[in-house]
N, C-alpha and C. Protein backbone atom coordinates (compact mmCIF):
# COMPACT_ATOMS: atom_id res chain seq x y z
N MET A 1 23.79 52.74 -53.07
CA MET A 1 24.18 53.08 -54.44
C MET A 1 23.23 52.48 -55.45
N LYS A 2 22.83 51.22 -55.18
CA LYS A 2 21.94 50.54 -56.10
C LYS A 2 20.57 51.23 -56.16
N SER A 3 20.08 51.72 -55.02
CA SER A 3 18.77 52.38 -54.99
C SER A 3 18.81 53.70 -55.77
N TYR A 4 19.96 54.40 -55.74
CA TYR A 4 20.08 55.64 -56.52
C TYR A 4 20.00 55.35 -58.01
N LYS A 5 20.64 54.27 -58.43
CA LYS A 5 20.58 53.89 -59.84
C LYS A 5 19.15 53.55 -60.26
N LEU A 6 18.42 52.85 -59.40
CA LEU A 6 17.03 52.52 -59.70
C LEU A 6 16.16 53.78 -59.79
N ILE A 7 16.37 54.71 -58.88
CA ILE A 7 15.61 55.96 -58.91
C ILE A 7 15.94 56.73 -60.17
N LEU A 8 17.21 56.82 -60.51
CA LEU A 8 17.63 57.52 -61.73
C LEU A 8 17.04 56.84 -62.96
N LEU A 9 17.07 55.53 -62.99
CA LEU A 9 16.49 54.78 -64.11
C LEU A 9 14.99 55.03 -64.21
N PHE A 10 14.30 55.07 -63.08
CA PHE A 10 12.87 55.33 -63.07
C PHE A 10 12.57 56.71 -63.66
N PHE A 11 13.30 57.74 -63.24
CA PHE A 11 13.06 59.09 -63.75
C PHE A 11 13.41 59.21 -65.23
N CYS A 12 14.46 58.55 -65.66
CA CYS A 12 14.81 58.56 -67.09
C CYS A 12 13.70 57.90 -67.92
N ALA A 13 13.17 56.78 -67.42
CA ALA A 13 12.08 56.10 -68.12
C ALA A 13 10.84 56.97 -68.14
N LEU A 14 10.54 57.64 -67.03
CA LEU A 14 9.38 58.53 -66.96
C LEU A 14 9.50 59.67 -67.97
N ILE A 15 10.65 60.28 -68.05
CA ILE A 15 10.89 61.36 -69.02
C ILE A 15 10.77 60.83 -70.44
N PHE A 16 11.36 59.68 -70.70
CA PHE A 16 11.31 59.08 -72.05
C PHE A 16 9.87 58.83 -72.47
N PHE A 17 9.08 58.20 -71.59
CA PHE A 17 7.69 57.89 -71.96
C PHE A 17 6.84 59.14 -72.06
N THR A 18 7.15 60.16 -71.27
CA THR A 18 6.42 61.42 -71.38
C THR A 18 6.69 62.05 -72.74
N TYR A 19 7.95 62.12 -73.15
CA TYR A 19 8.28 62.71 -74.44
C TYR A 19 7.83 61.84 -75.60
N SER A 20 7.76 60.54 -75.42
CA SER A 20 7.35 59.67 -76.52
C SER A 20 5.87 59.86 -76.84
N LYS A 21 5.10 60.39 -75.92
CA LYS A 21 3.67 60.61 -76.17
C LYS A 21 3.38 62.04 -76.63
N VAL A 22 4.38 62.90 -76.69
CA VAL A 22 4.16 64.26 -77.16
C VAL A 22 3.88 64.19 -78.66
N MET A 23 2.71 64.65 -79.03
CA MET A 23 2.30 64.61 -80.42
C MET A 23 1.70 65.94 -80.80
N ALA A 24 1.58 66.14 -82.07
CA ALA A 24 0.88 67.31 -82.55
C ALA A 24 -0.59 67.17 -82.18
N THR A 25 -1.27 68.29 -82.06
CA THR A 25 -2.66 68.24 -81.62
C THR A 25 -3.64 68.17 -82.77
N GLU A 26 -3.25 68.59 -83.95
CA GLU A 26 -4.18 68.61 -85.08
C GLU A 26 -3.69 67.68 -86.18
N GLU A 27 -4.61 66.92 -86.73
CA GLU A 27 -4.30 65.98 -87.81
C GLU A 27 -5.08 66.38 -89.05
N ALA A 28 -4.49 66.15 -90.22
CA ALA A 28 -5.19 66.42 -91.48
C ALA A 28 -6.51 65.65 -91.47
N LYS A 29 -7.60 66.34 -91.79
CA LYS A 29 -8.93 65.75 -91.73
C LYS A 29 -9.22 64.90 -92.96
N TYR A 30 -9.94 63.80 -92.73
CA TYR A 30 -10.34 62.93 -93.82
C TYR A 30 -11.58 62.15 -93.41
N GLU A 31 -12.23 61.58 -94.42
CA GLU A 31 -13.35 60.66 -94.21
C GLU A 31 -12.93 59.30 -94.74
N ILE A 32 -13.26 58.25 -94.00
CA ILE A 32 -12.98 56.89 -94.48
C ILE A 32 -14.13 56.50 -95.42
N ILE A 33 -13.78 56.19 -96.66
CA ILE A 33 -14.76 55.84 -97.68
C ILE A 33 -14.98 54.33 -97.73
N ASN A 34 -13.89 53.58 -97.56
CA ASN A 34 -13.94 52.12 -97.67
C ASN A 34 -12.77 51.56 -96.88
N LYS A 35 -12.93 50.35 -96.39
CA LYS A 35 -11.85 49.74 -95.61
C LYS A 35 -11.90 48.23 -95.81
N ASN A 36 -10.72 47.62 -95.94
CA ASN A 36 -10.63 46.16 -95.97
C ASN A 36 -9.54 45.73 -95.00
N ASN A 37 -9.12 44.48 -95.07
CA ASN A 37 -8.12 43.98 -94.11
C ASN A 37 -6.72 44.55 -94.32
N ILE A 38 -6.44 45.12 -95.49
CA ILE A 38 -5.10 45.60 -95.80
C ILE A 38 -5.02 47.12 -95.75
N TYR A 39 -5.95 47.80 -96.37
CA TYR A 39 -5.86 49.25 -96.50
C TYR A 39 -7.24 49.90 -96.39
N GLU A 40 -7.22 51.22 -96.26
CA GLU A 40 -8.47 51.97 -96.30
C GLU A 40 -8.38 53.05 -97.35
N VAL A 41 -9.53 53.45 -97.86
CA VAL A 41 -9.61 54.55 -98.81
C VAL A 41 -10.17 55.75 -98.05
N ARG A 42 -9.42 56.85 -98.10
CA ARG A 42 -9.81 58.07 -97.41
C ARG A 42 -10.07 59.19 -98.41
N LYS A 43 -10.98 60.05 -98.06
CA LYS A 43 -11.20 61.27 -98.84
C LYS A 43 -10.66 62.43 -98.02
N TYR A 44 -9.62 63.06 -98.57
CA TYR A 44 -9.03 64.24 -97.95
C TYR A 44 -9.56 65.48 -98.67
N PHE A 45 -9.54 66.60 -97.96
CA PHE A 45 -9.96 67.87 -98.53
C PHE A 45 -8.72 68.72 -98.76
N ASP A 46 -8.82 69.74 -99.60
CA ASP A 46 -7.68 70.63 -99.85
C ASP A 46 -7.13 71.12 -98.51
N ARG A 47 -5.81 71.23 -98.43
CA ARG A 47 -5.19 71.75 -97.21
C ARG A 47 -3.87 72.42 -97.54
N LEU A 48 -3.52 73.38 -96.71
CA LEU A 48 -2.25 74.10 -96.88
C LEU A 48 -1.12 73.33 -96.21
N ALA A 49 0.04 73.43 -96.82
CA ALA A 49 1.23 72.81 -96.24
C ALA A 49 2.42 73.71 -96.52
N VAL A 50 3.46 73.50 -95.77
CA VAL A 50 4.75 74.13 -96.03
C VAL A 50 5.66 73.00 -96.47
N GLU A 51 6.45 73.23 -97.52
CA GLU A 51 7.28 72.14 -98.04
C GLU A 51 8.65 72.63 -98.45
N THR A 52 9.56 71.68 -98.53
CA THR A 52 10.90 71.94 -99.03
C THR A 52 11.40 70.67 -99.70
N ILE A 53 12.29 70.84 -100.67
CA ILE A 53 12.89 69.69 -101.35
C ILE A 53 13.85 69.01 -100.39
N THR A 54 13.77 67.70 -100.35
CA THR A 54 14.58 66.90 -99.43
C THR A 54 15.91 66.53 -100.08
N THR A 55 16.98 67.15 -99.60
CA THR A 55 18.31 66.71 -100.01
C THR A 55 18.90 65.86 -98.89
N ASN A 56 18.49 66.17 -97.69
CA ASN A 56 18.91 65.47 -96.49
C ASN A 56 17.70 65.52 -95.56
N GLN A 57 17.18 64.36 -95.15
CA GLN A 57 15.93 64.32 -94.41
C GLN A 57 15.96 65.20 -93.17
N SER A 58 17.02 65.14 -92.37
CA SER A 58 17.05 65.93 -91.14
C SER A 58 17.20 67.42 -91.46
N ASN A 59 17.91 67.76 -92.53
CA ASN A 59 18.04 69.15 -92.93
C ASN A 59 16.69 69.71 -93.37
N SER A 60 15.92 68.94 -94.12
CA SER A 60 14.59 69.37 -94.55
C SER A 60 13.66 69.53 -93.36
N PHE A 61 13.71 68.58 -92.44
CA PHE A 61 12.88 68.68 -91.25
C PHE A 61 13.24 69.95 -90.49
N ARG A 62 14.52 70.23 -90.36
CA ARG A 62 14.97 71.44 -89.64
C ARG A 62 14.44 72.71 -90.30
N LYS A 63 14.49 72.76 -91.64
CA LYS A 63 13.98 73.94 -92.36
C LYS A 63 12.50 74.16 -92.07
N LEU A 64 11.72 73.08 -92.13
CA LEU A 64 10.29 73.20 -91.90
C LEU A 64 9.99 73.48 -90.43
N PHE A 65 10.72 72.84 -89.54
CA PHE A 65 10.53 73.11 -88.11
C PHE A 65 10.90 74.55 -87.78
N ASN A 66 11.93 75.06 -88.42
CA ASN A 66 12.32 76.45 -88.22
C ASN A 66 11.18 77.38 -88.65
N TYR A 67 10.52 77.07 -89.77
CA TYR A 67 9.39 77.87 -90.24
C TYR A 67 8.28 77.93 -89.19
N ILE A 68 7.87 76.77 -88.64
CA ILE A 68 6.78 76.78 -87.66
C ILE A 68 7.23 77.30 -86.30
N SER A 69 8.53 77.39 -86.08
CA SER A 69 9.06 77.91 -84.81
C SER A 69 9.25 79.42 -84.85
N GLY A 70 8.77 80.07 -85.90
CA GLY A 70 8.87 81.53 -85.99
C GLY A 70 9.82 82.00 -87.06
N GLY A 71 10.44 81.09 -87.80
CA GLY A 71 11.35 81.47 -88.89
C GLY A 71 10.57 81.78 -90.16
N ASN A 72 9.59 82.66 -90.02
CA ASN A 72 8.79 83.10 -91.16
C ASN A 72 8.71 84.62 -91.13
N GLN A 73 8.14 85.22 -92.15
CA GLN A 73 8.18 86.68 -92.25
C GLN A 73 7.38 87.40 -91.16
N LYS A 74 6.43 86.71 -90.53
CA LYS A 74 5.68 87.30 -89.42
C LYS A 74 6.29 86.94 -88.06
N GLU A 75 7.34 86.11 -88.08
CA GLU A 75 7.96 85.59 -86.86
C GLU A 75 6.92 84.96 -85.95
N GLN A 76 5.96 84.28 -86.56
CA GLN A 76 4.84 83.68 -85.84
C GLN A 76 5.11 82.20 -85.59
N LYS A 77 4.88 81.77 -84.35
CA LYS A 77 5.00 80.35 -84.02
C LYS A 77 3.70 79.66 -84.43
N ILE A 78 3.86 78.46 -85.00
CA ILE A 78 2.74 77.70 -85.53
C ILE A 78 2.79 76.32 -84.91
N GLU A 79 1.63 75.82 -84.46
CA GLU A 79 1.60 74.48 -83.87
C GLU A 79 1.93 73.42 -84.90
N MET A 80 2.64 72.40 -84.45
CA MET A 80 2.96 71.25 -85.30
C MET A 80 1.68 70.45 -85.51
N THR A 81 1.48 69.95 -86.71
CA THR A 81 0.35 69.08 -87.03
C THR A 81 0.90 67.77 -87.58
N THR A 82 0.00 66.83 -87.79
CA THR A 82 0.41 65.57 -88.39
C THR A 82 -0.47 65.28 -89.59
N PRO A 83 0.04 64.49 -90.50
CA PRO A 83 1.35 63.84 -90.52
C PRO A 83 2.42 64.74 -91.14
N VAL A 84 3.65 64.30 -91.04
CA VAL A 84 4.74 64.84 -91.84
C VAL A 84 4.83 63.90 -93.03
N THR A 85 4.83 64.45 -94.24
CA THR A 85 4.84 63.58 -95.42
C THR A 85 6.07 63.82 -96.27
N ARG A 86 6.42 62.77 -97.01
CA ARG A 86 7.47 62.85 -98.03
C ARG A 86 6.92 62.23 -99.29
N ILE A 87 7.10 62.93 -100.41
CA ILE A 87 6.60 62.47 -101.70
C ILE A 87 7.56 62.93 -102.79
N GLU A 88 7.67 62.13 -103.85
CA GLU A 88 8.49 62.53 -104.99
C GLU A 88 7.70 63.49 -105.86
N LYS A 89 8.30 64.65 -106.14
CA LYS A 89 7.67 65.64 -107.02
C LYS A 89 8.73 66.11 -108.01
N ASN A 90 8.41 66.00 -109.27
CA ASN A 90 9.33 66.45 -110.33
C ASN A 90 10.72 65.85 -110.19
N GLY A 91 10.79 64.59 -109.80
CA GLY A 91 12.07 63.91 -109.69
C GLY A 91 12.83 64.19 -108.41
N ASN A 92 12.27 65.00 -107.51
CA ASN A 92 12.92 65.31 -106.24
C ASN A 92 12.05 64.85 -105.09
N MET A 93 12.68 64.47 -103.98
CA MET A 93 11.92 64.09 -102.79
C MET A 93 11.59 65.37 -102.03
N THR A 94 10.31 65.52 -101.67
CA THR A 94 9.82 66.71 -101.01
C THR A 94 9.23 66.34 -99.66
N MET A 95 9.55 67.14 -98.63
CA MET A 95 8.98 66.94 -97.30
C MET A 95 7.96 68.04 -97.06
N GLN A 96 6.85 67.67 -96.39
CA GLN A 96 5.77 68.62 -96.15
C GLN A 96 5.29 68.54 -94.70
N PHE A 97 4.99 69.72 -94.13
CA PHE A 97 4.27 69.83 -92.86
C PHE A 97 2.91 70.42 -93.21
N TYR A 98 1.83 69.81 -92.76
CA TYR A 98 0.52 70.41 -92.94
C TYR A 98 0.37 71.58 -91.98
N LEU A 99 -0.37 72.58 -92.39
CA LEU A 99 -0.57 73.75 -91.54
C LEU A 99 -1.92 73.64 -90.85
N PRO A 100 -2.03 74.20 -89.63
CA PRO A 100 -3.31 74.14 -88.92
C PRO A 100 -4.44 74.78 -89.74
N LYS A 101 -5.66 74.31 -89.51
CA LYS A 101 -6.80 74.76 -90.30
C LYS A 101 -7.14 76.23 -90.09
N ILE A 102 -6.56 76.89 -89.10
CA ILE A 102 -6.83 78.32 -88.91
C ILE A 102 -6.20 79.16 -90.02
N PHE A 103 -5.29 78.55 -90.79
CA PHE A 103 -4.61 79.29 -91.86
C PHE A 103 -5.28 79.06 -93.20
N ASP A 104 -5.29 80.14 -94.00
CA ASP A 104 -5.68 80.05 -95.40
C ASP A 104 -4.67 80.88 -96.19
N LYS A 105 -4.87 80.97 -97.49
CA LYS A 105 -3.89 81.69 -98.32
C LYS A 105 -3.75 83.16 -97.94
N ASN A 106 -4.76 83.72 -97.27
CA ASN A 106 -4.73 85.14 -96.91
C ASN A 106 -4.00 85.44 -95.61
N ASN A 107 -3.93 84.48 -94.69
CA ASN A 107 -3.31 84.78 -93.40
C ASN A 107 -2.09 83.92 -93.05
N VAL A 108 -1.69 83.03 -93.95
CA VAL A 108 -0.55 82.17 -93.66
C VAL A 108 0.75 82.99 -93.75
N PRO A 109 1.63 82.86 -92.76
CA PRO A 109 2.90 83.60 -92.81
C PRO A 109 3.78 83.12 -93.97
N ALA A 110 4.34 84.04 -94.70
CA ALA A 110 5.25 83.70 -95.80
C ALA A 110 6.56 83.17 -95.22
N PRO A 111 7.15 82.18 -95.86
CA PRO A 111 8.44 81.67 -95.39
C PRO A 111 9.53 82.74 -95.50
N ALA A 112 10.49 82.67 -94.60
CA ALA A 112 11.63 83.58 -94.63
C ALA A 112 12.71 83.06 -95.58
N ARG A 113 12.67 81.79 -95.91
CA ARG A 113 13.66 81.17 -96.79
C ARG A 113 13.05 80.94 -98.16
N GLN A 114 13.87 81.06 -99.20
CA GLN A 114 13.39 80.83 -100.56
C GLN A 114 13.18 79.35 -100.88
N ASP A 115 13.85 78.47 -100.15
CA ASP A 115 13.71 77.04 -100.41
C ASP A 115 12.59 76.39 -99.59
N VAL A 116 11.77 77.20 -98.95
CA VAL A 116 10.59 76.74 -98.23
C VAL A 116 9.39 77.41 -98.88
N LYS A 117 8.38 76.63 -99.23
CA LYS A 117 7.22 77.15 -99.97
C LYS A 117 5.92 76.78 -99.27
N ILE A 118 4.91 77.64 -99.44
CA ILE A 118 3.55 77.34 -99.02
C ILE A 118 2.84 76.75 -100.24
N VAL A 119 2.18 75.61 -100.08
CA VAL A 119 1.49 74.95 -101.18
C VAL A 119 0.10 74.51 -100.73
N THR A 120 -0.77 74.35 -101.70
CA THR A 120 -2.08 73.75 -101.43
C THR A 120 -2.02 72.31 -101.93
N ILE A 121 -2.27 71.39 -101.05
CA ILE A 121 -2.32 69.98 -101.43
C ILE A 121 -3.78 69.69 -101.77
N GLU A 122 -3.99 69.32 -103.02
CA GLU A 122 -5.35 69.06 -103.48
C GLU A 122 -5.94 67.85 -102.77
N GLY A 123 -7.19 67.99 -102.43
CA GLY A 123 -7.91 66.89 -101.83
C GLY A 123 -8.14 65.79 -102.86
N GLY A 124 -8.68 64.71 -102.42
CA GLY A 124 -8.96 63.59 -103.30
C GLY A 124 -9.00 62.31 -102.50
N HIS A 125 -9.01 61.21 -103.22
CA HIS A 125 -9.07 59.89 -102.59
C HIS A 125 -7.66 59.30 -102.50
N TYR A 126 -7.37 58.74 -101.34
CA TYR A 126 -6.06 58.16 -101.08
C TYR A 126 -6.23 56.77 -100.48
N ALA A 127 -5.47 55.82 -100.98
CA ALA A 127 -5.40 54.50 -100.37
C ALA A 127 -4.28 54.54 -99.35
N VAL A 128 -4.55 54.02 -98.15
CA VAL A 128 -3.62 54.16 -97.04
C VAL A 128 -3.42 52.83 -96.34
N LEU A 129 -2.15 52.46 -96.15
CA LEU A 129 -1.79 51.28 -95.38
C LEU A 129 -1.06 51.76 -94.13
N ARG A 130 -1.64 51.50 -93.00
CA ARG A 130 -1.06 51.94 -91.71
C ARG A 130 -0.17 50.84 -91.16
N TYR A 131 0.98 51.24 -90.59
CA TYR A 131 1.89 50.26 -90.00
C TYR A 131 2.68 50.90 -88.86
N SER A 132 3.24 50.07 -88.01
CA SER A 132 4.05 50.57 -86.90
C SER A 132 5.51 50.26 -87.17
N GLY A 133 6.34 50.54 -86.22
CA GLY A 133 7.77 50.27 -86.37
C GLY A 133 8.54 51.53 -86.73
N ARG A 134 9.79 51.33 -87.01
CA ARG A 134 10.65 52.46 -87.37
C ARG A 134 10.21 53.08 -88.69
N ALA A 135 10.47 54.36 -88.83
CA ALA A 135 10.12 55.08 -90.07
C ALA A 135 11.28 54.97 -91.07
N SER A 136 11.87 53.80 -91.16
CA SER A 136 13.02 53.59 -92.03
C SER A 136 12.58 53.44 -93.48
N ASP A 137 13.54 53.62 -94.39
CA ASP A 137 13.26 53.42 -95.81
C ASP A 137 12.78 52.01 -96.08
N SER A 138 13.45 51.02 -95.50
CA SER A 138 13.10 49.62 -95.78
C SER A 138 11.70 49.29 -95.27
N ASN A 139 11.32 49.80 -94.11
CA ASN A 139 9.98 49.54 -93.58
C ASN A 139 8.92 50.21 -94.46
N PHE A 140 9.19 51.43 -94.91
CA PHE A 140 8.26 52.11 -95.80
C PHE A 140 8.12 51.37 -97.13
N ILE A 141 9.24 51.01 -97.74
CA ILE A 141 9.21 50.33 -99.05
C ILE A 141 8.43 49.01 -98.95
N LYS A 142 8.66 48.27 -97.88
CA LYS A 142 7.94 47.01 -97.68
C LYS A 142 6.42 47.26 -97.70
N HIS A 143 5.95 48.25 -96.96
CA HIS A 143 4.51 48.51 -96.85
C HIS A 143 3.96 49.20 -98.09
N LYS A 144 4.74 50.04 -98.73
CA LYS A 144 4.34 50.67 -99.98
C LYS A 144 4.12 49.60 -101.05
N ASP A 145 5.03 48.63 -101.11
CA ASP A 145 4.91 47.54 -102.09
C ASP A 145 3.66 46.70 -101.83
N ILE A 146 3.37 46.42 -100.57
CA ILE A 146 2.16 45.66 -100.23
C ILE A 146 0.92 46.42 -100.70
N LEU A 147 0.88 47.72 -100.41
CA LEU A 147 -0.27 48.54 -100.81
C LEU A 147 -0.40 48.60 -102.33
N GLU A 148 0.71 48.81 -103.01
CA GLU A 148 0.67 48.90 -104.47
C GLU A 148 0.16 47.60 -105.09
N LYS A 149 0.63 46.46 -104.60
CA LYS A 149 0.18 45.16 -105.12
C LYS A 149 -1.32 44.96 -104.88
N GLU A 150 -1.80 45.35 -103.72
CA GLU A 150 -3.23 45.21 -103.41
C GLU A 150 -4.09 46.11 -104.31
N LEU A 151 -3.62 47.33 -104.55
CA LEU A 151 -4.37 48.23 -105.42
C LEU A 151 -4.42 47.70 -106.85
N LEU A 152 -3.30 47.18 -107.33
CA LEU A 152 -3.28 46.59 -108.67
C LEU A 152 -4.21 45.38 -108.74
N LYS A 153 -4.18 44.56 -107.70
CA LYS A 153 -5.05 43.38 -107.65
C LYS A 153 -6.53 43.80 -107.66
N ASP A 154 -6.84 44.92 -106.99
CA ASP A 154 -8.21 45.41 -106.90
C ASP A 154 -8.59 46.33 -108.07
N ASN A 155 -7.68 46.46 -109.05
CA ASN A 155 -7.91 47.31 -110.23
C ASN A 155 -8.22 48.76 -109.88
N ILE A 156 -7.51 49.30 -108.92
CA ILE A 156 -7.68 50.70 -108.52
C ILE A 156 -6.51 51.49 -109.10
N PRO A 157 -6.81 52.46 -109.99
CA PRO A 157 -5.74 53.25 -110.60
C PRO A 157 -5.01 54.14 -109.59
N ILE A 158 -3.68 54.06 -109.61
CA ILE A 158 -2.82 54.90 -108.78
C ILE A 158 -2.45 56.13 -109.60
N ILE A 159 -2.64 57.33 -109.03
CA ILE A 159 -2.38 58.56 -109.79
C ILE A 159 -1.35 59.47 -109.13
N SER A 160 -0.55 58.92 -108.23
CA SER A 160 0.52 59.71 -107.61
C SER A 160 1.70 58.81 -107.30
N SER A 161 2.80 59.47 -106.97
CA SER A 161 3.94 58.74 -106.41
C SER A 161 3.54 58.26 -105.02
N SER A 162 4.31 57.34 -104.48
CA SER A 162 4.04 56.89 -103.11
C SER A 162 4.30 58.03 -102.14
N ILE A 163 3.53 58.04 -101.07
CA ILE A 163 3.63 59.08 -100.04
C ILE A 163 3.94 58.39 -98.72
N ARG A 164 4.95 58.89 -98.03
CA ARG A 164 5.31 58.38 -96.70
C ARG A 164 4.77 59.37 -95.68
N ALA A 165 3.95 58.90 -94.76
CA ALA A 165 3.38 59.75 -93.72
C ALA A 165 3.82 59.23 -92.36
N THR A 166 4.34 60.13 -91.52
CA THR A 166 4.73 59.76 -90.16
C THR A 166 4.00 60.68 -89.18
N TYR A 167 3.67 60.13 -88.03
CA TYR A 167 2.83 60.84 -87.07
C TYR A 167 3.49 61.08 -85.72
N ASP A 168 4.54 60.37 -85.40
CA ASP A 168 5.08 60.42 -84.04
C ASP A 168 6.50 60.97 -84.00
N SER A 169 6.87 61.40 -82.80
CA SER A 169 8.23 61.89 -82.61
C SER A 169 9.21 60.73 -82.65
N PRO A 170 10.48 61.03 -82.89
CA PRO A 170 11.48 59.96 -82.89
C PRO A 170 11.65 59.30 -81.52
N PHE A 171 11.13 59.92 -80.46
CA PHE A 171 11.24 59.36 -79.12
C PHE A 171 10.16 58.33 -78.83
N THR A 172 9.17 58.19 -79.72
CA THR A 172 8.12 57.21 -79.53
C THR A 172 8.68 55.82 -79.78
N LEU A 173 8.34 54.89 -78.91
CA LEU A 173 8.80 53.51 -79.10
C LEU A 173 8.30 52.99 -80.44
N PRO A 174 9.14 52.26 -81.18
CA PRO A 174 8.76 51.80 -82.53
C PRO A 174 7.41 51.08 -82.58
N MET A 175 7.11 50.25 -81.57
CA MET A 175 5.84 49.51 -81.62
C MET A 175 4.63 50.40 -81.41
N ASN A 176 4.85 51.63 -80.91
CA ASN A 176 3.75 52.58 -80.71
C ASN A 176 3.64 53.61 -81.82
N ARG A 177 4.52 53.54 -82.79
CA ARG A 177 4.53 54.55 -83.85
C ARG A 177 3.45 54.30 -84.88
N ARG A 178 2.95 55.40 -85.42
CA ARG A 178 1.98 55.34 -86.51
C ARG A 178 2.66 55.86 -87.77
N ASN A 179 2.80 54.99 -88.73
CA ASN A 179 3.35 55.33 -90.04
C ASN A 179 2.33 54.91 -91.08
N GLU A 180 2.38 55.54 -92.26
CA GLU A 180 1.46 55.15 -93.32
C GLU A 180 2.16 55.24 -94.67
N ALA A 181 1.80 54.30 -95.53
CA ALA A 181 2.15 54.36 -96.96
C ALA A 181 0.86 54.74 -97.67
N MET A 182 0.96 55.69 -98.61
CA MET A 182 -0.24 56.21 -99.26
C MET A 182 -0.01 56.37 -100.76
N PHE A 183 -1.10 56.28 -101.51
CA PHE A 183 -1.13 56.64 -102.92
C PHE A 183 -2.42 57.42 -103.16
N LYS A 184 -2.34 58.46 -103.97
CA LYS A 184 -3.58 59.09 -104.44
C LYS A 184 -4.13 58.15 -105.51
N ILE A 185 -5.43 57.93 -105.47
CA ILE A 185 -6.05 56.97 -106.37
C ILE A 185 -7.23 57.60 -107.10
N GLU A 186 -7.65 56.92 -108.13
CA GLU A 186 -8.83 57.36 -108.88
C GLU A 186 -9.98 56.41 -108.54
N ILE A 187 -11.06 56.99 -108.07
CA ILE A 187 -12.26 56.20 -107.76
C ILE A 187 -13.17 56.28 -108.97
N LYS A 188 -13.58 55.12 -109.46
CA LYS A 188 -14.44 55.06 -110.64
C LYS A 188 -15.90 55.14 -110.25
C-alpha cells in the first residue's frame, strides 16, 4: 500500500512540474538600454494587444483567454504570449494579452465581445524591476514602491501608471515565477 502511495505521489509531482514549466513561446521584444542592481531600462517597440477592463481578475483573464482560444470573429486560435499585464487606464484596471508578432492591424481577428478590444501599445522606454514569488497585490505593491523610489532617487520621470507583468502559469512554483513591476519613463 505504501509503495502505491509513493508511485502516485511521484506521478502527481511529475505532472505538476510538467505543467509548471508550460509557458507561452513568444515574449514581447525589447532591448536593454541600461541596468543597475535594482532595475533595468528597456526599450519596447509598438505591439498589438487584446485588452479588457478588469472588474474581476479571473473574469478578465477568462475573457482574454476565450479570445485567443477562438472566441473571436474568425474563430481563430492564437498562441499565448507573455507577459500578461495589468495597468490603470482612465481610472479602471485593464488586463492585456500581447498578440504574436505575426499579427498586425490588417490581419488580427476582431473580438467577438464588445468588452474586449484590440489596441496598439506604444513603444518607449520602461523601467522594470523583476521579482519572483506569488503574483499577489501585496508582492506587486512592495516591488512597485521599490522601483518608484529608485526612479525618483535617480531623477527619472515616470510617465505612466504602474504596470504589473506576469509571465508564468499559476501552476509554477512561486520561487520559479517571473513577475515584473514596470513604469513607462522619459529618457532625457
